[in-house]
PDB file of N, CA and C in Angstrom:
ATOM      1  N   MET A   1       5.744 -38.974  18.357  1.00  0.00           N
ATOM      2  CA  MET A   1       6.787 -38.068  17.361  1.00  0.00           C
ATOM      3  C   MET A   1       6.239 -38.163  16.570  1.00  0.00           C
ATOM      4  N   GLU A   2       6.386 -39.353  15.894  1.00  0.00           N
ATOM      5  CA  GLU A   2       5.868 -38.902  14.061  1.00  0.00           C
ATOM      6  C   GLU A   2       4.590 -38.801  13.814  1.00  0.00           C
ATOM      7  N   LYS A   3       3.630 -38.506  14.914  1.00  0.00           N
ATOM      8  CA  LYS A   3       2.243 -38.084  14.395  1.00  0.00           C
ATOM      9  C   LYS A   3       2.490 -36.502  14.361  1.00  0.00           C
ATOM     10  N   HIS A   4       3.119 -36.360  15.592  1.00  0.00           N
ATOM     11  CA  HIS A   4       3.421 -34.711  15.527  1.00  0.00           C
ATOM     12  C   HIS A   4       4.528 -34.283  14.481  1.00  0.00           C
ATOM     13  N   ILE A   5       5.658 -35.098  13.639  1.00  0.00           N
ATOM     14  CA  ILE A   5       5.856 -34.697  12.374  1.00  0.00           C
ATOM     15  C   ILE A   5       4.923 -34.564  11.639  1.00  0.00           C
ATOM     16  N   LEU A   6       4.257 -34.817  11.256  1.00  0.00           N
ATOM     17  CA  LEU A   6       3.054 -35.514  10.177  1.00  0.00           C
ATOM     18  C   LEU A   6       2.263 -34.274  10.225  1.00  0.00           C
ATOM     19  N   LYS A   7       1.693 -33.901  11.659  1.00  0.00           N
ATOM     20  CA  LYS A   7       0.900 -32.902  11.604  1.00  0.00           C
ATOM     21  C   LYS A   7       1.625 -31.740  11.346  1.00  0.00           C
ATOM     22  N   SER A   8       3.090 -31.260  11.763  1.00  0.00           N
ATOM     23  CA  SER A   8       3.574 -30.110  11.228  1.00  0.00           C
ATOM     24  C   SER A   8       3.394 -29.774   9.703  1.00  0.00           C
ATOM     25  N   LEU A   9       4.232 -30.864   9.464  1.00  0.00           N
ATOM     26  CA  LEU A   9       4.228 -30.888   7.575  1.00  0.00           C
ATOM     27  C   LEU A   9       2.938 -30.619   7.336  1.00  0.00           C
ATOM     28  N   LEU A  10       1.548 -31.166   7.624  1.00  0.00           N
ATOM     29  CA  LEU A  10       0.436 -30.840   7.089  1.00  0.00           C
ATOM     30  C   LEU A  10       0.178 -29.402   7.304  1.00  0.00           C
ATOM     31  N   ILE A  11      -0.097 -28.684   8.409  1.00  0.00           N
ATOM     32  CA  ILE A  11       0.290 -27.402   8.735  1.00  0.00           C
ATOM     33  C   ILE A  11       1.038 -26.509   7.457  1.00  0.00           C
ATOM     34  N   LEU A  12       1.981 -27.408   7.555  1.00  0.00           N
ATOM     35  CA  LEU A  12       3.191 -25.955   6.575  1.00  0.00           C
ATOM     36  C   LEU A  12       2.687 -26.238   5.146  1.00  0.00           C
ATOM     37  N   LEU A  13       2.208 -27.684   4.901  1.00  0.00           N
ATOM     38  CA  LEU A  13       1.540 -27.855   3.135  1.00  0.00           C
ATOM     39  C   LEU A  13       0.161 -26.839   3.235  1.00  0.00           C
ATOM     40  N   ILE A  14      -0.729 -26.983   4.264  1.00  0.00           N
ATOM     41  CA  ILE A  14      -1.940 -26.000   4.245  1.00  0.00           C
ATOM     42  C   ILE A  14      -1.397 -24.380   4.278  1.00  0.00           C
ATOM     43  N   SER A  15      -0.490 -24.232   5.371  1.00  0.00           N
ATOM     44  CA  SER A  15      -0.333 -22.545   5.004  1.00  0.00           C
ATOM     45  C   SER A  15       0.585 -22.307   3.405  1.00  0.00           C
ATOM     46  N   ALA A  16       1.065 -23.487   2.949  1.00  0.00           N
ATOM     47  CA  ALA A  16       1.922 -22.666   1.999  1.00  0.00           C
ATOM     48  C   ALA A  16       0.638 -22.691   0.789  1.00  0.00           C
ATOM     49  N   VAL A  17      -0.122 -23.605   0.489  1.00  0.00           N
ATOM     50  CA  VAL A  17      -1.348 -23.598  -0.214  1.00  0.00           C
ATOM     51  C   VAL A  17      -2.160 -22.570  -0.229  1.00  0.00           C
ATOM     52  N   PHE A  18      -2.124 -21.485   1.022  1.00  0.00           N
ATOM     53  CA  PHE A  18      -2.997 -20.986   1.481  1.00  0.00           C
ATOM     54  C   PHE A  18      -2.584 -19.606   0.975  1.00  0.00           C
ATOM     55  N   SER A  19      -1.190 -19.327   1.144  1.00  0.00           N
ATOM     56  CA  SER A  19      -0.329 -18.465   0.736  1.00  0.00           C
ATOM     57  C   SER A  19      -0.304 -18.037  -0.676  1.00  0.00           C
ATOM     58  N   PHE A  20       0.104 -18.987  -1.309  1.00  0.00           N
ATOM     59  CA  PHE A  20      -0.096 -19.136  -2.601  1.00  0.00           C
ATOM     60  C   PHE A  20      -1.260 -18.423  -3.357  1.00  0.00           C
ATOM     61  N   ASN A  21      -2.167 -19.285  -2.729  1.00  0.00           N
ATOM     62  CA  ASN A  21      -3.673 -18.883  -3.332  1.00  0.00           C
ATOM     63  C   ASN A  21      -4.119 -17.215  -2.957  1.00  0.00           C
ATOM     64  N   LEU A  22      -4.119 -16.921  -1.561  1.00  0.00           N
ATOM     65  CA  LEU A  22      -3.683 -15.502  -1.179  1.00  0.00           C
ATOM     66  C   LEU A  22      -2.796 -14.628  -2.576  1.00  0.00           C
ATOM     67  N   ASN A  23      -2.151 -14.775  -2.315  1.00  0.00           N
ATOM     68  CA  ASN A  23      -0.936 -14.276  -3.578  1.00  0.00           C
ATOM     69  C   ASN A  23      -1.258 -13.751  -4.613  1.00  0.00           C
ATOM     70  N   LYS A  24      -2.210 -15.141  -5.131  1.00  0.00           N
ATOM     71  CA  LYS A  24      -2.509 -15.315  -6.604  1.00  0.00           C
ATOM     72  C   LYS A  24      -3.414 -14.265  -7.093  1.00  0.00           C
ATOM     73  N   THR A  25      -4.664 -14.391  -5.680  1.00  0.00           N
ATOM     74  CA  THR A  25      -5.817 -13.587  -5.778  1.00  0.00           C
ATOM     75  C   THR A  25      -5.132 -11.923  -5.203  1.00  0.00           C
ATOM     76  N   ILE A  26      -4.120 -11.472  -4.846  1.00  0.00           N
ATOM     77  CA  ILE A  26      -3.709  -9.980  -4.919  1.00  0.00           C
ATOM     78  C   ILE A  26      -3.213  -9.905  -5.794  1.00  0.00           C
ATOM     79  N   SER A  27      -2.963 -10.529  -6.789  1.00  0.00           N
ATOM     80  CA  SER A  27      -1.803 -10.283  -7.806  1.00  0.00           C
ATOM     81  C   SER A  27      -2.329 -10.118  -8.935  1.00  0.00           C
ATOM     82  N   ASN A  28      -3.857 -10.995  -8.913  1.00  0.00           N
ATOM     83  CA  ASN A  28      -4.788 -10.808 -10.173  1.00  0.00           C
ATOM     84  C   ASN A  28      -5.526  -9.788  -9.982  1.00  0.00           C
ATOM     85  N   ASN A  29      -5.467  -9.169  -9.082  1.00  0.00           N
ATOM     86  CA  ASN A  29      -6.417  -7.904  -8.487  1.00  0.00           C
ATOM     87  C   ASN A  29      -5.467  -6.497  -8.911  1.00  0.00           C
ATOM     88  N   ILE A  30      -4.726  -6.481  -9.226  1.00  0.00           N
ATOM     89  CA  ILE A  30      -3.641  -5.754  -9.667  1.00  0.00           C
ATOM     90  C   ILE A  30      -3.375  -5.111 -11.047  1.00  0.00           C
ATOM     91  N   THR A  31      -4.138  -3.595 -11.268  1.00  0.00           N
ATOM     92  CA  THR A  31      -3.822  -3.452 -12.553  1.00  0.00           C
ATOM     93  C   THR A  31      -2.455  -2.152 -12.808  1.00  0.00           C
ATOM     94  N   GLU A  32      -2.033  -2.753 -13.540  1.00  0.00           N
ATOM     95  CA  GLU A  32      -0.647  -1.882 -14.182  1.00  0.00           C
ATOM     96  C   GLU A  32      -1.520  -0.794 -15.092  1.00  0.00           C
ATOM     97  N   HIS A  33      -0.747   0.640 -15.204  1.00  0.00           N
ATOM     98  CA  HIS A  33      -1.079   1.512 -16.028  1.00  0.00           C
ATOM     99  C   HIS A  33       0.399   2.139 -16.772  1.00  0.00           C
ATOM    100  N   THR A  34       0.848   0.484 -17.982  1.00  0.00           N
ATOM    101  CA  THR A  34       2.073   0.922 -18.206  1.00  0.00           C
ATOM    102  C   THR A  34       2.229   2.171 -18.960  1.00  0.00           C
ATOM    103  N   ASP A  35       0.907   2.828 -19.654  1.00  0.00           N
ATOM    104  CA  ASP A  35       1.262   3.984 -20.381  1.00  0.00           C
ATOM    105  C   ASP A  35       1.317   5.190 -19.503  1.00  0.00           C
ATOM    106  N   ASP A  36       1.584   5.332 -17.945  1.00  0.00           N
ATOM    107  CA  ASP A  36       1.431   6.342 -17.260  1.00  0.00           C
ATOM    108  C   ASP A  36       2.957   6.899 -17.036  1.00  0.00           C
ATOM    109  N   PHE A  37       3.487   7.652 -17.465  1.00  0.00           N
ATOM    110  CA  PHE A  37       4.546   8.006 -18.000  1.00  0.00           C
ATOM    111  C   PHE A  37       5.390   9.277 -17.006  1.00  0.00           C
ATOM    112  N   ASN A  38       3.941  10.012 -16.648  1.00  0.00           N
ATOM    113  CA  ASN A  38       3.787  11.245 -15.983  1.00  0.00           C
ATOM    114  C   ASN A  38       4.162  11.050 -14.344  1.00  0.00           C
ATOM    115  N   PRO A  39       5.269  11.531 -13.806  1.00  0.00           N
ATOM    116  CA  PRO A  39       4.694  11.429 -12.173  1.00  0.00           C
ATOM    117  C   PRO A  39       3.721  12.009 -11.758  1.00  0.00           C
ATOM    118  N   PRO A  40       2.900  11.952 -10.389  1.00  0.00           N
ATOM    119  CA  PRO A  40       2.325  12.969  -9.782  1.00  0.00           C
ATOM    120  C   PRO A  40       2.924  14.144  -9.410  1.00  0.00           C
ATOM    121  N   VAL A  41       2.285  15.178  -9.221  1.00  0.00           N
ATOM    122  CA  VAL A  41       2.826  16.516  -9.344  1.00  0.00           C
ATOM    123  C   VAL A  41       2.246  17.052  -8.003  1.00  0.00           C
ATOM    124  N   PRO A  42       3.430  17.453  -7.006  1.00  0.00           N
ATOM    125  CA  PRO A  42       2.565  17.810  -5.442  1.00  0.00           C
ATOM    126  C   PRO A  42       2.096  18.946  -5.873  1.00  0.00           C
ATOM    127  N   GLY A  43       0.871  19.197  -5.021  1.00  0.00           N
ATOM    128  CA  GLY A  43       0.135  20.487  -4.977  1.00  0.00           C
ATOM    129  C   GLY A  43       0.547  21.548  -4.096  1.00  0.00           C
ATOM    130  N   SER A  44       0.460  23.153  -4.897  1.00  0.00           N
ATOM    131  CA  SER A  44       1.296  24.031  -4.482  1.00  0.00           C
ATOM    132  C   SER A  44       2.749  23.885  -4.169  1.00  0.00           C
ATOM    133  N   ASN A  45       3.416  22.922  -5.157  1.00  0.00           N
ATOM    134  CA  ASN A  45       4.922  22.658  -5.367  1.00  0.00           C
ATOM    135  C   ASN A  45       5.431  21.827  -4.061  1.00  0.00           C
ATOM    136  N   GLY A  46       4.533  21.567  -3.554  1.00  0.00           N
ATOM    137  CA  GLY A  46       5.421  20.191  -2.301  1.00  0.00           C
ATOM    138  C   GLY A  46       4.829  21.661  -0.931  1.00  0.00           C
ATOM    139  N   SER A  47       4.780  22.452  -0.997  1.00  0.00           N
ATOM    140  CA  SER A  47       4.777  23.421  -0.099  1.00  0.00           C
ATOM    141  C   SER A  47       3.729  23.143   1.190  1.00  0.00           C
ATOM    142  N   LEU A  48       4.853  23.124   2.364  1.00  0.00           N
ATOM    143  CA  LEU A  48       3.577  22.696   3.815  1.00  0.00           C
ATOM    144  C   LEU A  48       3.166  23.640   4.265  1.00  0.00           C
ATOM    145  N   VAL A  49       1.763  23.760   5.162  1.00  0.00           N
ATOM    146  CA  VAL A  49       1.748  25.059   5.625  1.00  0.00           C
ATOM    147  C   VAL A  49       1.836  24.508   7.324  1.00  0.00           C
ATOM    148  N   ILE A  50       2.593  25.022   8.173  1.00  0.00           N
ATOM    149  CA  ILE A  50       2.652  24.799   9.692  1.00  0.00           C
ATOM    150  C   ILE A  50       1.909  25.843  10.419  1.00  0.00           C
ATOM    151  N   SER A  51       1.068  25.591  11.096  1.00  0.00           N
ATOM    152  CA  SER A  51      -0.200  25.868  12.179  1.00  0.00           C
ATOM    153  C   SER A  51      -0.538  25.796  13.266  1.00  0.00           C
ATOM    154  N   HIS A  52      -1.144  26.474  14.149  1.00  0.00           N
ATOM    155  CA  HIS A  52      -1.303  25.973  15.584  1.00  0.00           C
ATOM    156  C   HIS A  52      -0.507  25.196  16.326  1.00  0.00           C
ATOM    157  N   VAL A  53       0.909  25.776  16.713  1.00  0.00           N
ATOM    158  CA  VAL A  53       1.733  25.324  17.131  1.00  0.00           C
ATOM    159  C   VAL A  53       1.589  25.106  18.513  1.00  0.00           C
ATOM    160  N   THR A  54       2.007  23.909  18.718  1.00  0.00           N
ATOM    161  CA  THR A  54       1.840  24.140  20.456  1.00  0.00           C
ATOM    162  C   THR A  54       2.932  23.576  21.096  1.00  0.00           C
ATOM    163  N   LEU A  55       2.783  23.359  22.798  1.00  0.00           N
ATOM    164  CA  LEU A  55       3.982  22.851  23.294  1.00  0.00           C
ATOM    165  C   LEU A  55       4.060  21.107  22.947  1.00  0.00           C
ATOM    166  N   ASP A  56       3.173  20.607  21.966  1.00  0.00           N
ATOM    167  CA  ASP A  56       3.276  19.453  22.311  1.00  0.00           C
ATOM    168  C   ASP A  56       2.801  18.726  20.688  1.00  0.00           C
ATOM    169  N   SER A  57       2.303  19.534  19.693  1.00  0.00           N
ATOM    170  CA  SER A  57       1.983  19.274  18.754  1.00  0.00           C
ATOM    171  C   SER A  57       1.768  20.434  17.907  1.00  0.00           C
ATOM    172  N   PRO A  58       2.502  20.192  16.185  1.00  0.00           N
ATOM    173  CA  PRO A  58       1.633  21.522  15.451  1.00  0.00           C
ATOM    174  C   PRO A  58       0.863  20.839  14.496  1.00  0.00           C
ATOM    175  N   THR A  59      -0.204  21.700  13.441  1.00  0.00           N
ATOM    176  CA  THR A  59      -1.012  21.342  12.446  1.00  0.00           C
ATOM    177  C   THR A  59      -0.152  21.646  11.431  1.00  0.00           C
ATOM    178  N   ILE A  60       0.256  20.373  10.624  1.00  0.00           N
ATOM    179  CA  ILE A  60       0.566  20.361   9.505  1.00  0.00           C
ATOM    180  C   ILE A  60      -0.630  20.275   7.954  1.00  0.00           C
ATOM    181  N   SER A  61      -0.608  20.948   7.158  1.00  0.00           N
ATOM    182  CA  SER A  61      -1.607  20.589   5.639  1.00  0.00           C
ATOM    183  C   SER A  61      -0.801  20.988   4.859  1.00  0.00           C
ATOM    184  N   TRP A  62      -1.198  20.477   3.941  1.00  0.00           N
ATOM    185  CA  TRP A  62      -0.627  20.351   2.151  1.00  0.00           C
ATOM    186  C   TRP A  62      -2.090  20.507   1.473  1.00  0.00           C
ATOM    187  N   GLU A  63      -1.752  20.503  -0.014  1.00  0.00           N
ATOM    188  CA  GLU A  63      -2.947  20.530  -0.806  1.00  0.00           C
ATOM    189  C   GLU A  63      -2.309  19.216  -1.444  1.00  0.00           C
ATOM    190  N   PRO A  64      -3.280  18.462  -1.755  1.00  0.00           N
ATOM    191  CA  PRO A  64      -3.349  17.181  -2.517  1.00  0.00           C
ATOM    192  C   PRO A  64      -2.622  17.169  -3.642  1.00  0.00           C
ATOM    193  N   ALA A  65      -1.969  16.627  -4.501  1.00  0.00           N
ATOM    194  CA  ALA A  65      -1.074  16.196  -5.224  1.00  0.00           C
ATOM    195  C   ALA A  65      -1.997  15.932  -6.771  1.00  0.00           C
ATOM    196  N   ILE A  66      -1.601  15.939  -7.970  1.00  0.00           N
ATOM    197  CA  ILE A  66      -2.458  15.893  -9.225  1.00  0.00           C
ATOM    198  C   ILE A  66      -1.592  15.259 -10.012  1.00  0.00           C
ATOM    199  N   ASP A  67      -2.806  14.186 -10.149  1.00  0.00           N
ATOM    200  CA  ASP A  67      -1.937  13.348 -11.351  1.00  0.00           C
ATOM    201  C   ASP A  67      -2.827  12.942 -13.027  1.00  0.00           C
ATOM    202  N   ASP A  68      -2.247  12.681 -13.627  1.00  0.00           N
ATOM    203  CA  ASP A  68      -3.112  12.691 -15.007  1.00  0.00           C
ATOM    204  C   ASP A  68      -3.860  11.521 -15.239  1.00  0.00           C
ATOM    205  N   THR A  69      -3.626  10.501 -14.475  1.00  0.00           N
ATOM    206  CA  THR A  69      -4.131   9.336 -14.819  1.00  0.00           C
ATOM    207  C   THR A  69      -5.003   8.871 -13.263  1.00  0.00           C
ATOM    208  N   THR A  70      -4.426   8.730 -12.249  1.00  0.00           N
ATOM    209  CA  THR A  70      -5.137   8.789 -10.642  1.00  0.00           C
ATOM    210  C   THR A  70      -5.996   9.517  -9.589  1.00  0.00           C
ATOM    211  N   PRO A  71      -6.675   9.964  -9.502  1.00  0.00           N
ATOM    212  CA  PRO A  71      -7.329  11.083  -8.704  1.00  0.00           C
ATOM    213  C   PRO A  71      -6.740  10.855  -7.760  1.00  0.00           C
ATOM    214  N   ALA A  72      -6.687  12.694  -7.022  1.00  0.00           N
ATOM    215  CA  ALA A  72      -6.195  12.914  -6.093  1.00  0.00           C
ATOM    216  C   ALA A  72      -6.285  12.219  -4.366  1.00  0.00           C
ATOM    217  N   GLU A  73      -7.692  11.348  -4.444  1.00  0.00           N
ATOM    218  CA  GLU A  73      -7.832  10.927  -3.523  1.00  0.00           C
ATOM    219  C   GLU A  73      -7.223   9.033  -3.164  1.00  0.00           C
ATOM    220  N   LYS A  74      -6.727   9.048  -4.430  1.00  0.00           N
ATOM    221  CA  LYS A  74      -5.921   7.713  -4.287  1.00  0.00           C
ATOM    222  C   LYS A  74      -4.363   7.440  -4.190  1.00  0.00           C
ATOM    223  N   LEU A  75      -3.905   8.887  -4.317  1.00  0.00           N
ATOM    224  CA  LEU A  75      -2.614   9.225  -4.238  1.00  0.00           C
ATOM    225  C   LEU A  75      -2.037   9.145  -2.989  1.00  0.00           C
TER     226      LEU A  75
END
């Protein structure tokens, strides 16, 4: 029984260390743009175009948003 508890504690410790390192790695790769005060602007004022409506699905399309910092493909 004691070996089972020690094994469980070891697994828990390894998981905690892995999780900490993963979170640290992810947070180190995040870049903040604190000077970006303008939100993205929806393309065509946010209009949606609905076409090719069938019994089970429509086609919905829209213009990409515009942002002064982030390219449209990343919004």
